[in-house]
Protein backbone atom coordinates (compact mmCIF):
# COMPACT_ATOMS: atom_id res chain seq x y z
CA UNK A 1 -19.16 1.40 -37.01
CA UNK A 2 -18.08 -1.57 -34.84
CA UNK A 3 -15.97 -3.07 -37.60
CA UNK A 4 -14.11 0.26 -38.18
CA UNK A 5 -13.71 0.69 -34.42
CA UNK A 6 -12.29 -2.76 -34.00
CA UNK A 7 -9.90 -2.28 -36.86
CA UNK A 8 -8.81 1.16 -35.43
CA UNK A 9 -8.35 -0.25 -31.81
CA UNK A 10 -6.26 -3.26 -33.09
CA UNK A 11 -3.94 -0.94 -35.16
CA UNK A 12 -3.68 1.67 -32.36
CA UNK A 13 -3.04 -0.77 -29.68
CA UNK A 14 -0.20 -2.32 -31.76
CA UNK A 15 1.29 1.14 -32.31
CA UNK A 16 1.11 1.89 -28.52
CA UNK A 17 2.89 -1.43 -27.57
CA UNK A 18 5.77 -0.76 -30.01
CA UNK A 19 6.66 2.50 -28.14
CA UNK A 20 9.72 1.92 -25.90
CA UNK A 21 8.37 4.15 -23.20
CA UNK A 22 5.16 2.02 -22.99
CA UNK A 23 7.11 -1.19 -22.82
CA UNK A 24 9.26 0.13 -19.95
CA UNK A 25 6.41 1.51 -17.88
CA UNK A 26 4.13 -1.37 -18.54
CA UNK A 27 6.31 -4.45 -18.06
CA UNK A 28 9.48 -3.38 -16.30
CA UNK A 29 8.92 -0.56 -13.88
CA UNK A 30 5.96 -2.19 -12.10
CA UNK A 31 8.02 -5.11 -11.18
CA UNK A 32 10.76 -2.88 -9.77
CA UNK A 33 8.08 -1.02 -7.73
CA UNK A 34 6.40 -4.33 -6.62
CA UNK A 35 9.80 -5.57 -5.08
CA UNK A 36 11.00 -2.10 -3.76
CA UNK A 37 7.62 -0.92 -2.04
CA UNK A 38 6.71 -4.48 -0.89
CA UNK A 39 10.17 -5.09 0.72
CA UNK A 40 10.32 -1.92 2.63
CA UNK A 41 6.69 -2.06 3.88
CA UNK A 42 6.68 -5.82 4.73
CA UNK A 43 5.39 -6.25 8.25
CA UNK A 44 5.08 -2.45 8.99
CA UNK A 45 1.40 -2.57 9.65
CA UNK A 46 1.15 -6.23 10.71
CA UNK A 47 -0.33 -7.12 14.08
CA UNK A 48 2.08 -10.08 14.97
CA UNK A 49 4.76 -9.50 17.51
CA UNK A 50 8.23 -8.61 16.26
CA UNK A 51 11.12 -10.95 17.30
CA UNK A 52 13.65 -9.37 19.69
CA UNK A 53 16.87 -11.29 20.57
CA UNK A 54 17.99 -10.50 24.24
CA UNK A 55 21.44 -11.04 25.60
CA UNK A 56 21.36 -11.60 29.43
CA UNK A 57 24.56 -12.29 31.33
CA UNK A 58 24.59 -14.95 34.05
CA UNK A 59 25.13 -12.24 36.78
CA UNK A 60 22.48 -9.81 35.47
CA UNK A 61 20.15 -10.64 38.41
CA UNK A 62 16.41 -10.70 38.86
CA UNK A 63 15.85 -7.09 37.58
CA UNK A 64 17.06 -8.25 34.13
CA UNK A 65 14.35 -11.09 34.21
CA UNK A 66 11.79 -8.54 35.17
CA UNK A 67 12.77 -6.37 32.19
CA UNK A 68 12.64 -9.40 29.86
CA UNK A 69 9.15 -10.18 31.18
CA UNK A 70 8.11 -6.51 30.41
CA UNK A 71 9.66 -6.90 26.98
CA UNK A 72 7.65 -10.12 26.37
CA UNK A 73 4.51 -8.12 26.41
CA UNK A 74 5.71 -6.08 23.43
CA UNK A 75 7.87 -8.50 21.58
CA UNK A 76 8.46 -12.24 20.82
CA UNK A 77 11.52 -12.48 23.07
CA UNK A 78 14.44 -14.83 22.10
CA UNK A 79 17.58 -15.51 24.07
CA UNK A 80 20.64 -14.49 22.16
CA UNK A 81 22.18 -17.13 20.07
CA UNK A 82 25.15 -15.18 18.67
CA UNK A 83 23.69 -15.21 15.01
CA UNK A 84 23.02 -11.80 13.42
CA UNK A 85 19.46 -10.54 14.38
CA UNK A 86 17.41 -7.66 13.13
CA UNK A 87 16.60 -6.49 16.74
CA UNK A 88 19.08 -7.17 19.66
CA UNK A 89 18.94 -5.92 23.25
CA UNK A 90 22.09 -6.35 25.44
CA UNK A 91 21.76 -6.16 29.25
CA UNK A 92 25.03 -5.30 30.90
CA UNK A 93 26.74 -7.64 33.43
CA UNK A 94 25.91 -6.92 37.02
CA UNK A 95 22.73 -5.13 36.13
CA UNK A 96 20.64 -5.77 39.19
CA UNK A 97 23.48 -5.01 41.66
CA UNK A 98 24.44 -1.78 39.90
CA UNK A 99 20.77 -0.55 39.64
CA UNK A 100 20.18 -1.28 43.38
CA UNK A 101 23.40 0.52 44.26
CA UNK A 102 22.16 3.62 42.48
CA UNK A 103 24.56 3.27 39.53
CA UNK A 104 23.40 4.51 36.18
CA UNK A 105 23.26 1.57 33.71
CA UNK A 106 22.88 1.69 29.84
CA UNK A 107 21.03 -0.96 27.93
CA UNK A 108 22.20 -1.36 24.35
CA UNK A 109 19.86 -1.83 21.55
CA UNK A 110 20.97 -2.69 18.05
CA UNK A 111 18.73 -3.01 15.01
CA UNK A 112 19.23 -3.52 11.23
CA UNK A 113 17.72 -0.85 9.04
CA UNK A 114 15.91 2.35 9.77
CA UNK A 115 12.34 1.68 8.41
CA UNK A 116 8.96 2.84 9.63
CA UNK A 117 9.14 0.60 12.77
CA UNK A 118 12.14 2.25 14.24
CA UNK A 119 10.23 4.82 16.18
CA UNK A 120 7.84 2.09 17.38
CA UNK A 121 10.86 0.14 18.70
CA UNK A 122 11.90 3.04 20.74
CA UNK A 123 8.41 3.49 22.17
CA UNK A 124 8.17 -0.20 23.24
CA UNK A 125 11.64 -0.19 24.83
CA UNK A 126 11.03 2.94 26.73
CA UNK A 127 7.78 1.59 27.91
CA UNK A 128 9.33 -1.69 29.25
CA UNK A 129 12.26 0.17 30.85
CA UNK A 130 10.29 2.94 32.60
CA UNK A 131 7.49 0.38 33.76
CA UNK A 132 10.10 -1.64 35.41
CA UNK A 133 11.63 1.46 36.96
CA UNK A 134 8.26 2.60 38.16
CA UNK A 135 7.82 -0.81 39.88
CA UNK A 136 11.19 -0.51 41.48
CA UNK A 137 10.32 2.90 42.89
CA UNK A 138 7.07 1.53 44.26
CA UNK A 139 8.93 -1.60 45.93
CA UNK A 140 11.62 0.70 47.22
CA UNK A 141 9.11 3.12 48.82
CA UNK A 142 7.32 0.38 50.71
CA UNK A 143 10.37 0.05 53.14
CA UNK A 144 10.95 -3.59 52.12
CA UNK A 145 13.87 -5.31 50.85
CA UNK A 146 14.01 -5.08 47.01
CA UNK A 147 13.86 -8.66 45.82
CA UNK A 148 12.35 -10.90 43.26
CA UNK A 149 9.69 -11.90 45.74
CA UNK A 150 8.66 -8.23 46.36
CA UNK A 151 8.13 -7.75 42.74
CA UNK A 152 6.03 -10.87 42.45
CA UNK A 153 3.99 -9.57 45.38
CA UNK A 154 3.43 -6.15 43.67
CA UNK A 155 2.33 -7.94 40.58
CA UNK A 156 -0.37 -9.82 42.48
CA UNK A 157 -1.87 -6.68 44.21
CA UNK A 158 -5.25 -5.41 42.75
CA UNK A 159 -4.95 -2.60 40.30
CA UNK A 160 -6.94 0.66 41.06
CA UNK A 161 -7.31 1.39 37.44
CA UNK A 162 -8.45 -1.38 35.11
CA UNK A 163 -9.35 -1.49 31.43
CA UNK A 164 -12.49 -3.08 30.03
CA UNK A 165 -11.92 -4.50 26.62
CA UNK A 166 -14.85 -5.63 24.36
CA UNK A 167 -15.08 -6.70 20.68
CA UNK A 168 -16.14 -4.09 18.28
CA UNK A 169 -16.65 -6.48 15.40
CA UNK A 170 -14.43 -8.41 13.12
CA UNK A 171 -10.79 -7.52 13.06
CA UNK A 172 -9.46 -6.13 9.69
CA UNK A 173 -6.00 -7.35 8.94
CA UNK A 174 -4.50 -4.36 7.13
CA UNK A 175 -2.54 -5.53 3.93
CA UNK A 176 1.15 -5.07 4.11
CA UNK A 177 4.20 -5.89 1.98
CA UNK A 178 3.43 -7.45 -1.44
CA UNK A 179 -0.28 -7.83 -0.51
CA UNK A 180 -0.40 -4.02 -0.64
CA UNK A 181 2.34 -3.00 -3.04
CA UNK A 182 1.17 -5.19 -5.99
CA UNK A 183 -2.35 -4.08 -6.21
CA UNK A 184 -1.54 -0.47 -5.30
CA UNK A 185 1.32 -0.30 -7.81
CA UNK A 186 -0.83 -1.92 -10.54
CA UNK A 187 -3.56 0.59 -10.05
CA UNK A 188 -1.02 3.50 -10.02
CA UNK A 189 0.88 2.35 -13.14
CA UNK A 190 -2.37 1.60 -15.13
CA UNK A 191 -3.37 5.25 -14.54
CA UNK A 192 0.14 6.53 -15.24
CA UNK A 193 0.53 4.61 -18.56
CA UNK A 194 -2.84 5.72 -19.80
CA UNK A 195 -2.52 9.35 -18.61
CA UNK A 196 0.82 9.63 -20.41
CA UNK A 197 1.34 7.19 -23.34
CA UNK A 198 -2.39 6.83 -23.86
CA UNK A 199 -2.95 10.63 -23.85
CA UNK A 200 0.23 11.97 -25.54
CA UNK A 201 -0.24 9.71 -28.63
CA UNK A 202 -3.62 11.35 -29.13
CA UNK A 203 -2.07 14.70 -28.86
CA UNK A 204 0.67 13.76 -31.32
CA UNK A 205 -1.78 12.45 -33.84
CA UNK A 206 -3.71 15.61 -33.70
CA UNK A 207 -0.66 18.00 -34.07
CA UNK A 208 0.70 15.74 -36.93
CA UNK A 209 -2.57 15.87 -38.86
CA UNK A 210 -3.31 12.08 -38.46
CA UNK A 211 -6.67 12.78 -36.82
CA UNK A 212 -7.61 15.06 -39.69
CA UNK A 213 -7.07 12.28 -42.20
CA UNK A 214 -9.12 10.09 -40.09
CA UNK A 215 -11.88 12.71 -40.12
CA UNK A 216 -11.85 12.74 -43.87
CA UNK A 217 -12.18 8.87 -44.13
CA UNK A 218 -15.55 7.11 -44.27
CA UNK A 219 -15.22 6.35 -40.46
CA UNK A 220 -17.82 7.94 -38.31
CA UNK A 221 -16.84 10.03 -35.22
CA UNK A 222 -18.23 7.33 -33.03
CA UNK A 223 -16.13 4.68 -34.65
CA UNK A 224 -12.94 6.86 -34.21
CA UNK A 225 -13.65 7.58 -30.51
CA UNK A 226 -14.64 3.99 -29.86
CA UNK A 227 -11.50 2.71 -31.69
CA UNK A 228 -9.22 5.00 -29.74
CA UNK A 229 -10.86 3.99 -26.39
CA UNK A 230 -10.57 0.45 -27.35
CA UNK A 231 -6.78 0.66 -28.01
CA UNK A 232 -6.20 2.28 -24.66
CA UNK A 233 -8.53 -0.17 -22.91
CA UNK A 234 -6.49 -3.05 -24.49
CA UNK A 235 -3.32 -1.58 -23.22
CA UNK A 236 -4.83 -1.30 -19.77
CA UNK A 237 -6.05 -4.94 -19.79
CA UNK A 238 -2.66 -6.13 -20.94
CA UNK A 239 -1.01 -4.13 -18.10
CA UNK A 240 -3.46 -5.42 -15.39
CA UNK A 241 -3.18 -9.06 -16.58
CA UNK A 242 0.62 -8.88 -16.63
CA UNK A 243 0.70 -7.30 -13.17
CA UNK A 244 -1.65 -9.85 -11.69
CA UNK A 245 0.36 -12.84 -13.21
CA UNK A 246 3.61 -11.41 -12.01
CA UNK A 247 2.21 -10.66 -8.52
CA UNK A 248 0.95 -14.23 -8.30
CA UNK A 249 4.17 -16.00 -9.67
CA UNK A 250 6.93 -13.76 -8.42
CA UNK A 251 5.53 -12.37 -5.19
CA UNK A 252 2.91 -14.97 -4.17
CA UNK A 253 0.06 -12.60 -3.76
CA UNK A 254 -3.32 -14.02 -3.00
CA UNK A 255 -6.17 -12.40 -4.99
CA UNK A 256 -8.87 -13.84 -2.55
CA UNK A 257 -11.79 -16.25 -3.12
CA UNK A 258 -13.68 -13.67 -5.21
CA UNK A 259 -11.30 -13.51 -8.18
CA UNK A 260 -14.02 -12.94 -10.75
CA UNK A 261 -15.23 -9.89 -8.96
CA UNK A 262 -11.67 -8.62 -8.65
CA UNK A 263 -11.09 -8.92 -12.27
CA UNK A 264 -14.44 -7.21 -12.96
CA UNK A 265 -13.52 -4.19 -10.68
CA UNK A 266 -10.13 -3.86 -12.49
CA UNK A 267 -11.78 -3.97 -15.90
CA UNK A 268 -14.09 -1.17 -14.79
CA UNK A 269 -11.17 0.78 -13.49
CA UNK A 270 -9.24 0.26 -16.65
CA UNK A 271 -12.11 1.41 -18.79
CA UNK A 272 -12.47 4.58 -16.67
CA UNK A 273 -8.68 5.30 -16.73
CA UNK A 274 -8.67 4.82 -20.56
CA UNK A 275 -11.52 7.41 -20.82
CA UNK A 276 -9.89 9.88 -18.58
CA UNK A 277 -6.60 9.52 -20.51
CA UNK A 278 -8.50 10.37 -23.71
CA UNK A 279 -10.03 13.38 -21.98
CA UNK A 280 -6.57 14.61 -20.99
CA UNK A 281 -5.28 13.98 -24.66
CA UNK A 282 -8.39 15.65 -26.12
CA UNK A 283 -7.95 18.97 -24.23
CA UNK A 284 -4.13 19.04 -24.08
CA UNK A 285 -2.42 21.38 -26.41
CA UNK A 286 1.23 20.18 -26.45
CA UNK A 287 2.99 16.81 -25.70
CA UNK A 288 5.02 18.27 -22.92
CA UNK A 289 1.88 19.64 -21.24
CA UNK A 290 -0.02 16.36 -21.45
CA UNK A 291 2.78 14.41 -20.09
CA UNK A 292 3.39 16.76 -17.29
CA UNK A 293 -0.29 16.92 -16.33
CA UNK A 294 -0.52 13.08 -16.70
CA UNK A 295 2.37 12.30 -14.30
CA UNK A 296 1.31 14.94 -11.73
CA UNK A 297 -2.32 13.80 -11.77
CA UNK A 298 -1.71 10.11 -11.69
CA UNK A 299 0.69 10.39 -8.75
CA UNK A 300 -1.60 12.70 -6.81
CA UNK A 301 -4.47 10.34 -7.34
CA UNK A 302 -2.31 7.30 -6.41
CA UNK A 303 -1.07 8.92 -3.16
CA UNK A 304 -4.58 10.20 -2.15
CA UNK A 305 -6.26 6.87 -3.27
CA UNK A 306 -4.16 4.65 -1.08
CA UNK A 307 -1.90 3.04 -3.75
CA UNK A 308 1.32 3.87 -1.93
CA UNK A 309 0.25 2.79 1.64
CA UNK A 310 -2.87 1.17 3.12
CA UNK A 311 -5.36 4.04 3.45
CA UNK A 312 -6.72 2.27 6.58
CA UNK A 313 -3.72 3.39 8.66
CA UNK A 314 -4.50 7.12 7.90
CA UNK A 315 -6.96 9.35 9.73
CA UNK A 316 -10.62 8.92 9.09
CA UNK A 317 -10.90 12.15 7.05
CA UNK A 318 -8.25 10.95 4.59
CA UNK A 319 -10.04 7.55 4.25
CA UNK A 320 -13.17 9.48 3.29
CA UNK A 321 -11.22 11.78 0.92
CA UNK A 322 -9.80 8.73 -0.85
CA UNK A 323 -13.38 7.60 -1.87
CA UNK A 324 -13.68 10.92 -4.02
CA UNK A 325 -11.17 9.41 -6.49
CA UNK A 326 -11.24 6.34 -8.88
CA UNK A 327 -8.02 5.17 -7.27
CA UNK A 328 -9.69 5.15 -3.83
CA UNK A 329 -12.71 3.34 -5.12
CA UNK A 330 -10.51 0.66 -6.73
CA UNK A 331 -8.18 0.17 -3.72
CA UNK A 332 -11.13 0.08 -1.23
CA UNK A 333 -12.85 -2.57 -3.35
CA UNK A 334 -9.68 -4.68 -3.68
CA UNK A 335 -8.89 -4.51 0.09
CA UNK A 336 -12.49 -5.63 0.75
CA UNK A 337 -12.37 -8.64 -1.67
CA UNK A 338 -8.68 -9.62 -1.03
CA UNK A 339 -8.09 -8.88 2.63
CA UNK A 340 -11.22 -8.18 4.60
CA UNK A 341 -13.17 -11.23 3.45
CA UNK A 342 -16.13 -9.09 2.20
CA UNK A 343 -18.69 -10.56 -0.25
CA UNK A 344 -18.81 -9.47 -3.96
CA UNK A 345 -22.09 -7.61 -3.13
CA UNK A 346 -20.25 -5.21 -0.90
CA UNK A 347 -18.27 -3.80 -3.82
CA UNK A 348 -21.19 -3.35 -6.22
CA UNK A 349 -21.42 0.40 -5.30
CA UNK A 350 -17.83 0.79 -6.29
CA UNK A 351 -18.35 -1.04 -9.51
CA UNK A 352 -21.44 1.03 -10.34
CA UNK A 353 -19.68 4.25 -9.66
CA UNK A 354 -16.77 3.46 -11.91
CA UNK A 355 -19.16 2.34 -14.82
CA UNK A 356 -21.26 5.45 -14.45
CA UNK A 357 -18.17 7.69 -14.42
CA UNK A 358 -16.65 5.86 -17.48
CA UNK A 359 -19.96 6.28 -19.50
CA UNK A 360 -20.23 9.95 -18.47
CA UNK A 361 -16.58 10.68 -19.30
CA UNK A 362 -16.90 8.62 -22.52
CA UNK A 363 -19.97 10.77 -23.41
CA UNK A 364 -17.98 14.02 -22.97
CA UNK A 365 -15.13 12.69 -24.97
CA UNK A 366 -17.46 11.75 -27.86
CA UNK A 367 -19.19 15.07 -27.79
CA UNK A 368 -15.99 17.12 -27.67
CA UNK A 369 -13.44 14.97 -29.50
CA UNK A 370 -11.27 17.34 -31.48
CA UNK A 371 -9.69 16.21 -34.88
CA UNK A 372 -7.59 19.38 -35.09
């Protein structure tokens, strides 16, 4: 039986890899998505301060220095050097004199791009400006001359409201950029390819009578099912290996100190995805139906499982929901091993759940496999 299954897996895998759609979605599109998603999300969830270039005229006065000091709590402030900058704040000339005279002033902010941090920039800038304005109102209301010394005196006064900060444990650095896009896209495209190419070929072989001819051969049902799974598992392994090599060489992704466990988790995920793809192809009636269901299911599972963005930035209920799906199990395990410094033992539950799910789904496929 195993000899027959190995022969069938080898021939089936070669047939799958000759399909143009499989080649494109296995070797070409993942690279495109690695770069696209990794580039637009780079630094979006990072904890480091963003650079802000500030242009301050010589006659801007002490209020401009006060504003720059407030901005320094939100940004890494850099004095303007004339070169193009992603974020630039321009304080107008005569800023302090105009504000103290009651003349409205406009502070100009320019940025390159309109990504997910644009709204955060507005919040940080408004916070700095209105906090400085609040200080000005307090100083002005004390019937003292508004000066640099008055602001310094205000800063030294004890606060009536204080914030107590204590450590709640080890800080988790949420992956961003290519550290998130490469593993996430790899998990998504493995599912997508095995849900489409892996499932639709099974439907095509059934509709064309190929599976009926296999049923009339000396091969047992177990050998046919195992061979079909082996072909799809081989495709998943090739896709995962290619994605890991490309991520390392092209995008400098670090797979962490526990690479053997990372590989083991991905192999368990690939085996489960191969079985689920066979389930879809086993029960699908037409090629269009299987492709449509495969594309929708893989995208929904990818979105809910944290393949498109770090699931850690979402509400707690969505993080719990992600653990109901194989994509969520895999991404949670990868984040723990690659980014959060967890030990291999911490992902053993993920590994066991995927193995049990793959064996259970494989049993269902073996019992219900349709030759016609």
